[in-house]
Amino acid sequence: MIRLYDHPLSPYAQKVKISLREKGLAFEVETPGGLGAGGASGEFVAASPRAEVPALVDGEVRLFDSTIILEYLDDAYPQPAMRPASAPERARVRMLEEVMDTHYEAINWGLSEIRWFRRAEGAAAEALTAAARRQTAGFHAWLEGQLGEREWFNGADFGWGDLSVVPYLNGSAGHGLPPPEGSRLAAWLGRANARPSVAACAADIARLNAAGATMPNVAELVAKGLFKREYRDHRLEWMIKSGGLDVVANGLERDNIRFAPDFG
């Protein structure tokens, strides 16, 4: 059976789970230990040397990076296809995915740094939050244009373009920044969230919350250096360009941020 190394809050892992469920593929999930402290090890790191979720094991196949995993699933299990049929349409939805993965994701991540991990407070937190709000509104307008009159970002049917957008918009909604009420984008989000494959991701998060695994004292753990959030390249860029250079400097000084580990 396919094994997916997962964390329910990871939008990258959600993308893969949506594809697996849309394809009707049986899979088991495992949440690796040590993610928050940067101490992951064992079979998970053998599959994902960056120590990031998602990672997928399918027999002898071991893959990391959500985009590569999605490509593998469509190649190895082609029905139903998540990618559109034509080359231009495939390029279009991959462009959407790239924007969401490497630009939009950083905004939600940055809001979590402020709200949950308390990296900034007072006026500094207000300034970063205002930047995030402004940037999110800009992306919502862009996505509205990309959706146009389509029912789905993928075209006539739900697919790659949609699973690449929905985890991030749900993340924004969780931060109080949903798409504008009455917009085509808001209507699309309602349709997407009604799909069983997407609703199951929400159920995964609900189970995590019910189990008390979201660590309400996580800001305290960060302050003690026991929980280190990973500052990937696009996240680091967001924090600096949005006015959080002091957040980065303080995190480095206190050793409570981390970067991807070296291979080997």
Protein backbone atom coordinates (compact mmCIF):
# COMPACT_ATOMS: atom_id res chain seq x y z
CA MET A 1 0.00 0.00 0.00
CA ILE A 2 1.10 3.57 -0.66
CA ARG A 3 2.49 5.30 2.42
CA LEU A 4 2.32 9.06 2.71
CA TYR A 5 4.37 10.96 5.25
CA ASP A 6 2.02 13.76 6.14
CA HIS A 7 1.07 16.53 8.50
CA PRO A 8 -2.61 17.51 8.31
CA LEU A 9 -1.82 21.23 8.42
CA SER A 10 0.61 21.08 5.51
CA PRO A 11 -1.00 22.46 2.32
CA TYR A 12 1.64 20.60 0.31
CA ALA A 13 0.57 17.30 1.85
CA GLN A 14 -3.09 18.20 1.37
CA LYS A 15 -2.50 18.55 -2.37
CA VAL A 16 -1.21 14.99 -2.54
CA LYS A 17 -3.99 13.57 -0.37
CA ILE A 18 -6.61 15.22 -2.57
CA SER A 19 -5.06 13.63 -5.66
CA LEU A 20 -4.84 10.21 -4.01
CA ARG A 21 -8.48 10.41 -2.97
CA GLU A 22 -9.69 11.68 -6.34
CA LYS A 23 -7.94 8.71 -7.94
CA GLY A 24 -9.46 6.28 -5.44
CA LEU A 25 -6.05 5.01 -4.34
CA ALA A 26 -5.69 3.32 -0.97
CA PHE A 27 -2.97 4.84 1.18
CA GLU A 28 -1.83 5.05 4.77
CA VAL A 29 -0.53 8.18 6.43
CA GLU A 30 2.20 8.66 8.99
CA THR A 31 3.11 11.91 10.72
CA PRO A 32 6.88 11.88 11.32
CA GLY A 33 8.24 12.79 14.70
CA GLY A 34 10.74 15.59 15.16
CA LEU A 35 9.34 17.90 12.48
CA GLY A 36 8.93 20.91 14.74
CA ALA A 37 12.30 20.59 16.43
CA GLY A 38 14.22 19.78 13.26
CA GLY A 39 15.06 16.30 14.56
CA ALA A 40 13.31 14.03 12.06
CA SER A 41 15.10 10.78 11.26
CA GLY A 42 14.69 7.19 10.13
CA GLU A 43 12.68 5.99 7.16
CA PHE A 44 11.05 9.37 6.72
CA VAL A 45 14.37 11.14 6.12
CA ALA A 46 15.47 8.29 3.87
CA ALA A 47 12.44 9.11 1.72
CA SER A 48 12.68 12.90 2.19
CA PRO A 49 16.26 14.11 2.82
CA ARG A 50 14.90 17.66 3.22
CA ALA A 51 12.90 16.34 6.18
CA GLU A 52 9.74 17.92 4.79
CA VAL A 53 6.28 16.52 4.20
CA PRO A 54 4.89 15.19 2.01
CA ALA A 55 6.98 12.18 1.13
CA LEU A 56 5.55 9.17 -0.64
CA VAL A 57 6.61 5.52 -0.60
CA ASP A 58 5.07 3.24 -3.22
CA GLY A 59 6.87 -0.11 -3.21
CA GLU A 60 10.47 0.70 -4.12
CA VAL A 61 9.57 4.24 -5.15
CA ARG A 62 10.49 6.99 -2.68
CA LEU A 63 9.64 10.56 -3.55
CA PHE A 64 9.55 13.98 -1.94
CA ASP A 65 8.25 17.37 -3.15
CA SER A 66 4.52 17.67 -3.70
CA THR A 67 4.77 18.58 -7.39
CA ILE A 68 6.98 15.60 -8.19
CA ILE A 69 4.65 13.31 -6.25
CA LEU A 70 1.62 14.65 -8.14
CA GLU A 71 3.40 14.05 -11.45
CA TYR A 72 4.27 10.50 -10.40
CA LEU A 73 0.69 9.74 -9.39
CA ASP A 74 -0.64 10.95 -12.73
CA ASP A 75 1.98 8.93 -14.62
CA ALA A 76 1.69 5.75 -12.54
CA TYR A 77 -2.06 5.89 -11.98
CA PRO A 78 -3.37 7.87 -14.97
CA GLN A 79 -7.12 7.49 -14.37
CA PRO A 80 -8.68 9.81 -13.61
CA ALA A 81 -6.11 12.29 -14.84
CA MET A 82 -5.51 15.32 -12.67
CA ARG A 83 -3.69 17.21 -15.42
CA PRO A 84 -5.60 18.76 -18.32
CA ALA A 85 -5.20 17.10 -21.69
CA SER A 86 -3.53 19.88 -23.71
CA ALA A 87 -0.04 21.26 -23.29
CA PRO A 88 -1.19 24.90 -22.90
CA GLU A 89 -3.70 23.94 -20.22
CA ARG A 90 -1.16 21.82 -18.38
CA ALA A 91 1.23 24.76 -18.39
CA ARG A 92 -1.51 27.05 -17.12
CA VAL A 93 -2.37 24.93 -14.09
CA ARG A 94 1.30 24.32 -13.31
CA MET A 95 1.75 28.09 -13.30
CA LEU A 96 -1.09 28.33 -10.79
CA GLU A 97 0.57 25.69 -8.63
CA GLU A 98 3.92 27.46 -8.73
CA VAL A 99 2.38 30.76 -7.63
CA MET A 100 0.46 29.15 -4.78
CA ASP A 101 3.41 27.04 -3.60
CA THR A 102 6.12 29.68 -3.68
CA HIS A 103 4.32 33.00 -3.21
CA TYR A 104 0.90 32.56 -1.64
CA GLU A 105 1.97 29.91 0.88
CA ALA A 106 4.45 32.30 2.45
CA ILE A 107 1.68 34.73 3.41
CA ASN A 108 -0.27 32.15 5.40
CA TRP A 109 2.95 30.86 6.91
CA GLY A 110 3.92 34.39 7.94
CA LEU A 111 0.53 34.98 9.55
CA SER A 112 1.03 31.78 11.55
CA GLU A 113 4.43 33.03 12.69
CA ILE A 114 2.73 36.12 14.08
CA ARG A 115 -0.55 34.73 15.42
CA TRP A 116 0.49 31.33 16.78
CA PHE A 117 4.22 31.61 17.30
CA ARG A 118 4.25 35.26 18.39
CA ARG A 119 7.38 36.17 16.48
CA ALA A 120 6.21 39.78 16.48
CA GLU A 121 3.86 41.71 18.73
CA GLY A 122 2.41 45.19 18.97
CA ALA A 123 3.08 47.59 16.10
CA ALA A 124 5.44 45.16 14.37
CA ALA A 125 2.79 42.44 14.30
CA GLU A 126 0.19 44.92 13.04
CA ALA A 127 2.46 46.02 10.18
CA LEU A 128 3.18 42.44 9.10
CA THR A 129 -0.51 41.54 9.31
CA ALA A 130 -1.44 44.57 7.21
CA ALA A 131 1.10 43.53 4.57
CA ALA A 132 -0.33 40.01 4.53
CA ARG A 133 -3.88 41.33 4.19
CA ARG A 134 -2.91 43.57 1.28
CA GLN A 135 -0.97 40.82 -0.49
CA THR A 136 -3.76 38.27 -0.02
CA ALA A 137 -6.28 40.66 -1.57
CA GLY A 138 -3.98 41.06 -4.56
CA PHE A 139 -3.69 37.32 -5.06
CA HIS A 140 -7.43 36.89 -4.70
CA ALA A 141 -7.95 39.40 -7.51
CA TRP A 142 -5.38 37.58 -9.65
CA LEU A 143 -6.99 34.20 -8.98
CA GLU A 144 -10.41 35.63 -9.83
CA GLY A 145 -9.02 36.58 -13.22
CA GLN A 146 -7.39 33.18 -13.71
CA LEU A 147 -10.66 31.42 -12.92
CA GLY A 148 -12.65 33.62 -15.28
CA GLU A 149 -15.86 31.92 -16.37
CA ARG A 150 -14.55 28.41 -15.74
CA GLU A 151 -16.31 26.17 -13.24
CA TRP A 152 -12.93 24.81 -12.13
CA PHE A 153 -9.41 26.15 -12.36
CA ASN A 154 -8.59 22.93 -14.21
CA GLY A 155 -11.29 23.60 -16.81
CA ALA A 156 -14.45 21.54 -17.14
CA ASP A 157 -13.49 19.12 -14.38
CA PHE A 158 -11.86 19.36 -10.96
CA GLY A 159 -8.16 18.58 -11.13
CA TRP A 160 -4.59 19.73 -10.67
CA GLY A 161 -5.33 23.43 -10.87
CA ASP A 162 -7.97 23.16 -8.17
CA LEU A 163 -6.12 20.95 -5.70
CA SER A 164 -3.19 23.37 -6.04
CA VAL A 165 -5.31 26.32 -4.90
CA VAL A 166 -7.84 25.06 -2.37
CA PRO A 167 -5.50 24.28 0.58
CA TYR A 168 -4.08 27.79 0.50
CA LEU A 169 -7.41 29.60 0.23
CA ASN A 170 -8.71 27.54 3.13
CA GLY A 171 -5.61 28.56 5.05
CA SER A 172 -6.35 32.22 4.36
CA ALA A 173 -9.94 31.75 5.45
CA GLY A 174 -8.64 30.29 8.70
CA HIS A 175 -6.71 33.53 9.21
CA GLY A 176 -9.85 35.56 8.60
CA LEU A 177 -9.00 36.42 4.97
CA PRO A 178 -11.46 34.47 2.79
CA PRO A 179 -12.20 35.40 -0.84
CA PRO A 180 -14.59 38.35 -1.14
CA GLU A 181 -18.20 37.37 -0.49
CA GLY A 182 -20.17 37.03 -3.71
CA SER A 183 -17.07 36.64 -5.89
CA ARG A 184 -16.59 33.84 -8.41
CA LEU A 185 -13.59 32.79 -6.35
CA ALA A 186 -15.72 32.40 -3.22
CA ALA A 187 -18.27 30.34 -5.16
CA TRP A 188 -15.48 28.14 -6.51
CA LEU A 189 -14.13 27.61 -2.99
CA GLY A 190 -17.55 26.46 -1.83
CA ARG A 191 -17.72 23.93 -4.67
CA ALA A 192 -14.20 22.70 -4.00
CA ASN A 193 -14.76 22.27 -0.27
CA ALA A 194 -17.88 20.20 -1.01
CA ARG A 195 -15.81 17.55 -2.76
CA PRO A 196 -15.18 14.50 -0.53
CA SER A 197 -11.45 14.58 -1.30
CA VAL A 198 -11.16 18.13 0.03
CA ALA A 199 -13.60 17.67 2.92
CA ALA A 200 -11.48 14.75 4.10
CA CYS A 201 -8.53 17.12 4.56
CA ALA A 202 -10.68 19.30 6.81
CA ALA A 203 -11.64 16.17 8.75
CA ASP A 204 -7.94 15.31 9.16
CA ILE A 205 -7.35 18.74 10.72
CA ALA A 206 -10.40 18.38 12.96
CA ARG A 207 -9.05 15.08 14.29
CA LEU A 208 -5.71 16.73 14.96
CA ASN A 209 -7.42 19.49 16.91
CA ALA A 210 -9.58 17.03 18.83
CA ALA A 211 -6.48 15.11 19.86
CA GLY A 212 -4.92 18.30 21.21
CA ALA A 213 -1.96 17.88 18.87
CA THR A 214 -1.86 21.49 17.71
CA MET A 215 0.22 22.45 20.77
CA PRO A 216 -1.49 25.55 22.19
CA ASN A 217 1.73 26.40 24.05
CA VAL A 218 3.77 26.41 20.85
CA ALA A 219 4.83 30.06 21.29
CA GLU A 220 6.38 29.11 24.61
CA LEU A 221 8.18 26.18 22.99
CA VAL A 222 9.54 28.54 20.32
CA ALA A 223 10.77 30.96 22.96
CA LYS A 224 12.66 28.09 24.62
CA GLY A 225 14.12 26.90 21.31
CA LEU A 226 12.25 23.59 21.51
CA PHE A 227 10.20 24.22 18.36
CA LYS A 228 11.92 25.58 15.25
CA ARG A 229 9.93 26.62 12.22
CA GLU A 230 11.62 26.10 8.88
CA TYR A 231 12.39 29.29 6.96
CA ARG A 232 12.37 28.05 3.36
CA ASP A 233 13.56 30.48 0.70
CA HIS A 234 10.16 31.96 -0.21
CA ARG A 235 9.19 32.28 3.45
CA LEU A 236 12.41 34.07 4.28
CA GLU A 237 11.81 36.43 1.35
CA TRP A 238 8.28 37.15 2.55
CA MET A 239 9.33 37.94 6.08
CA ILE A 240 12.09 40.31 4.97
CA LYS A 241 10.15 42.12 2.23
CA SER A 242 7.11 42.51 4.50
CA GLY A 243 9.08 44.22 7.25
CA GLY A 244 10.11 41.30 9.46
CA LEU A 245 13.90 41.48 9.23
CA ASP A 246 14.08 41.76 13.02
CA VAL A 247 12.03 38.56 13.30
CA VAL A 248 14.65 36.72 11.28
CA ALA A 249 17.57 38.27 13.20
CA ASN A 250 16.00 37.44 16.55
CA GLY A 251 15.24 33.90 15.46
CA LEU A 252 18.82 33.34 14.37
CA GLU A 253 20.16 34.83 17.60
CA ARG A 254 17.88 32.67 19.74
CA ASP A 255 18.35 29.59 17.56
CA ASN A 256 14.60 28.99 17.21
CA ILE A 257 14.36 29.00 13.42
CA ARG A 258 15.84 26.44 11.09
CA PHE A 259 16.62 25.81 7.46
CA ALA A 260 16.59 22.64 5.35
CA PRO A 261 19.20 20.10 6.51
CA ASP A 262 22.21 19.11 4.45
CA PHE A 263 21.89 15.90 2.49
CA GLY A 264 23.86 12.88 3.62
